Amino acid sequence: MITLAQLSIGVAGLWAVLMGGLAALYAVNPALGLAKTAHHGAELPRVMGDRYLAFAVLALGAAWHGDPVVIAFLFAVFALMGLADAAIYARAGKPFRPHLAAGAVSAGLSLVAFLAPSNGAA
């Protein structure tokens, strides 16, 4: 019999595959990605507000959990997002420094947390 822990791990893995597929779709065909995910340009500022709120809640959750391994992983992902956005905007000739700064700060925190001894909370 499958345990709830095994089920949650399996579904999380499937979700990661689905999200990776959508990321690949956006990389290859952004218009189709928008259509498949039902995103609309006019609503993206509000959607981004939701995303930043989610980032804040994730960071608070990692801090509350208190394990440097969790913090290192989360902020490595935040660094990836910030640096990738900076590269996208830089290539488009748009202001990119806020994203570059966010990516760099996130990478720095990830490194600090990675070097910290884990308390085994995870």
Protein backbone atom coordinates (compact mmCIF):
# COMPACT_ATOMS: atom_id res chain seq x y z
CA MET A 1 0.00 0.00 0.00
CA ILE A 2 1.25 3.47 -0.86
CA THR A 3 1.74 5.86 2.02
CA LEU A 4 0.64 9.47 2.02
CA ALA A 5 4.31 10.50 2.10
CA GLN A 6 5.03 8.41 -1.01
CA LEU A 7 1.95 9.81 -2.74
CA SER A 8 2.95 13.40 -1.97
CA ILE A 9 6.50 12.78 -3.24
CA GLY A 10 5.25 11.16 -6.43
CA VAL A 11 2.73 13.90 -7.17
CA ALA A 12 5.37 16.56 -6.47
CA GLY A 13 7.66 14.83 -8.97
CA LEU A 14 4.91 14.73 -11.59
CA TRP A 15 4.19 18.41 -10.93
CA ALA A 16 7.87 19.20 -11.47
CA VAL A 17 7.77 17.39 -14.83
CA LEU A 18 4.64 19.32 -15.84
CA MET A 19 6.17 22.67 -14.84
CA GLY A 20 9.38 21.78 -16.68
CA GLY A 21 7.36 20.99 -19.78
CA LEU A 22 5.60 24.34 -19.57
CA ALA A 23 8.96 26.08 -19.13
CA ALA A 24 10.24 24.34 -22.27
CA LEU A 25 7.07 25.33 -24.15
CA TYR A 26 7.54 28.98 -23.15
CA ALA A 27 11.18 28.82 -24.27
CA VAL A 28 10.26 27.41 -27.68
CA ASN A 29 6.91 29.11 -28.34
CA PRO A 30 5.96 31.86 -25.86
CA ALA A 31 2.63 32.61 -27.57
CA LEU A 32 1.55 28.98 -27.31
CA GLY A 33 2.77 28.91 -23.70
CA LEU A 34 0.56 31.87 -22.88
CA ALA A 35 -2.39 30.23 -24.60
CA LYS A 36 -1.90 26.83 -22.93
CA THR A 37 -1.59 28.38 -19.47
CA ALA A 38 -4.45 30.87 -20.06
CA HIS A 39 -2.28 33.88 -19.24
CA HIS A 40 -3.21 37.25 -20.68
CA GLY A 41 -0.86 40.19 -21.09
CA ALA A 42 -3.26 42.74 -19.65
CA GLU A 43 -3.53 40.78 -16.40
CA LEU A 44 0.19 40.06 -15.96
CA PRO A 45 0.82 42.97 -13.54
CA ARG A 46 -1.75 41.52 -11.12
CA VAL A 47 -0.43 38.00 -11.70
CA MET A 48 3.06 39.25 -10.83
CA GLY A 49 1.66 40.70 -7.61
CA ASP A 50 0.43 37.22 -6.72
CA ARG A 51 3.83 35.78 -7.58
CA TYR A 52 5.71 38.23 -5.37
CA LEU A 53 3.30 37.49 -2.51
CA ALA A 54 3.99 33.77 -3.02
CA PHE A 55 7.76 34.42 -3.00
CA ALA A 56 7.38 36.29 0.30
CA VAL A 57 5.34 33.46 1.84
CA LEU A 58 7.90 30.89 0.64
CA ALA A 59 10.76 32.89 2.15
CA LEU A 60 8.86 33.25 5.44
CA GLY A 61 8.13 29.53 5.45
CA ALA A 62 11.79 28.68 4.87
CA ALA A 63 12.85 31.07 7.65
CA TRP A 64 10.21 29.61 9.99
CA HIS A 65 11.33 26.05 9.15
CA GLY A 66 14.79 27.16 10.17
CA ASP A 67 16.90 24.71 8.19
CA PRO A 68 19.72 26.27 6.17
CA VAL A 69 19.39 23.49 3.56
CA VAL A 70 15.82 24.59 2.82
CA ILE A 71 16.86 28.25 2.74
CA ALA A 72 19.84 27.48 0.46
CA PHE A 73 17.65 25.60 -2.00
CA LEU A 74 14.84 28.18 -2.05
CA PHE A 75 17.16 31.13 -2.52
CA ALA A 76 19.12 29.28 -5.22
CA VAL A 77 15.81 29.04 -7.09
CA PHE A 78 15.13 32.74 -6.42
CA ALA A 79 18.63 33.52 -7.77
CA LEU A 80 17.92 31.50 -10.90
CA MET A 81 14.72 33.47 -11.50
CA GLY A 82 16.31 36.86 -10.87
CA LEU A 83 19.38 36.21 -12.99
CA ALA A 84 17.36 34.66 -15.82
CA ASP A 85 15.02 37.67 -15.84
CA ALA A 86 18.03 40.01 -15.83
CA ALA A 87 19.45 38.21 -18.87
CA ILE A 88 16.12 38.39 -20.70
CA TYR A 89 15.77 42.12 -20.05
CA ALA A 90 19.43 42.85 -20.85
CA ARG A 91 19.16 41.05 -24.20
CA ALA A 92 16.02 43.10 -24.96
CA GLY A 93 17.84 46.34 -24.12
CA LYS A 94 15.58 47.00 -21.12
CA PRO A 95 16.57 47.99 -17.58
CA PHE A 96 17.78 44.81 -15.89
CA ARG A 97 19.70 45.91 -12.80
CA PRO A 98 16.87 45.33 -10.27
CA HIS A 99 16.61 41.71 -11.43
CA LEU A 100 20.37 41.34 -11.43
CA ALA A 101 20.52 42.69 -7.87
CA ALA A 102 17.72 40.40 -6.70
CA GLY A 103 19.46 37.42 -8.29
CA ALA A 104 22.82 38.33 -6.78
CA VAL A 105 21.41 38.88 -3.28
CA SER A 106 19.49 35.61 -3.49
CA ALA A 107 22.61 33.77 -4.67
CA GLY A 108 24.59 35.28 -1.81
CA LEU A 109 22.04 34.20 0.78
CA SER A 110 21.88 30.75 -0.79
CA LEU A 111 25.65 30.43 -0.47
CA VAL A 112 25.64 31.61 3.15
CA ALA A 113 22.88 29.12 4.02
CA PHE A 114 24.63 26.35 2.08
CA LEU A 115 27.81 26.90 4.10
CA ALA A 116 25.92 26.96 7.42
CA PRO A 117 25.61 23.71 9.33
CA SER A 118 22.15 22.18 9.00
CA ASN A 119 20.16 21.73 12.19
CA GLY A 120 18.42 18.69 10.72
CA ALA A 121 14.97 20.31 10.76
CA ALA A 122 14.17 19.10 7.25
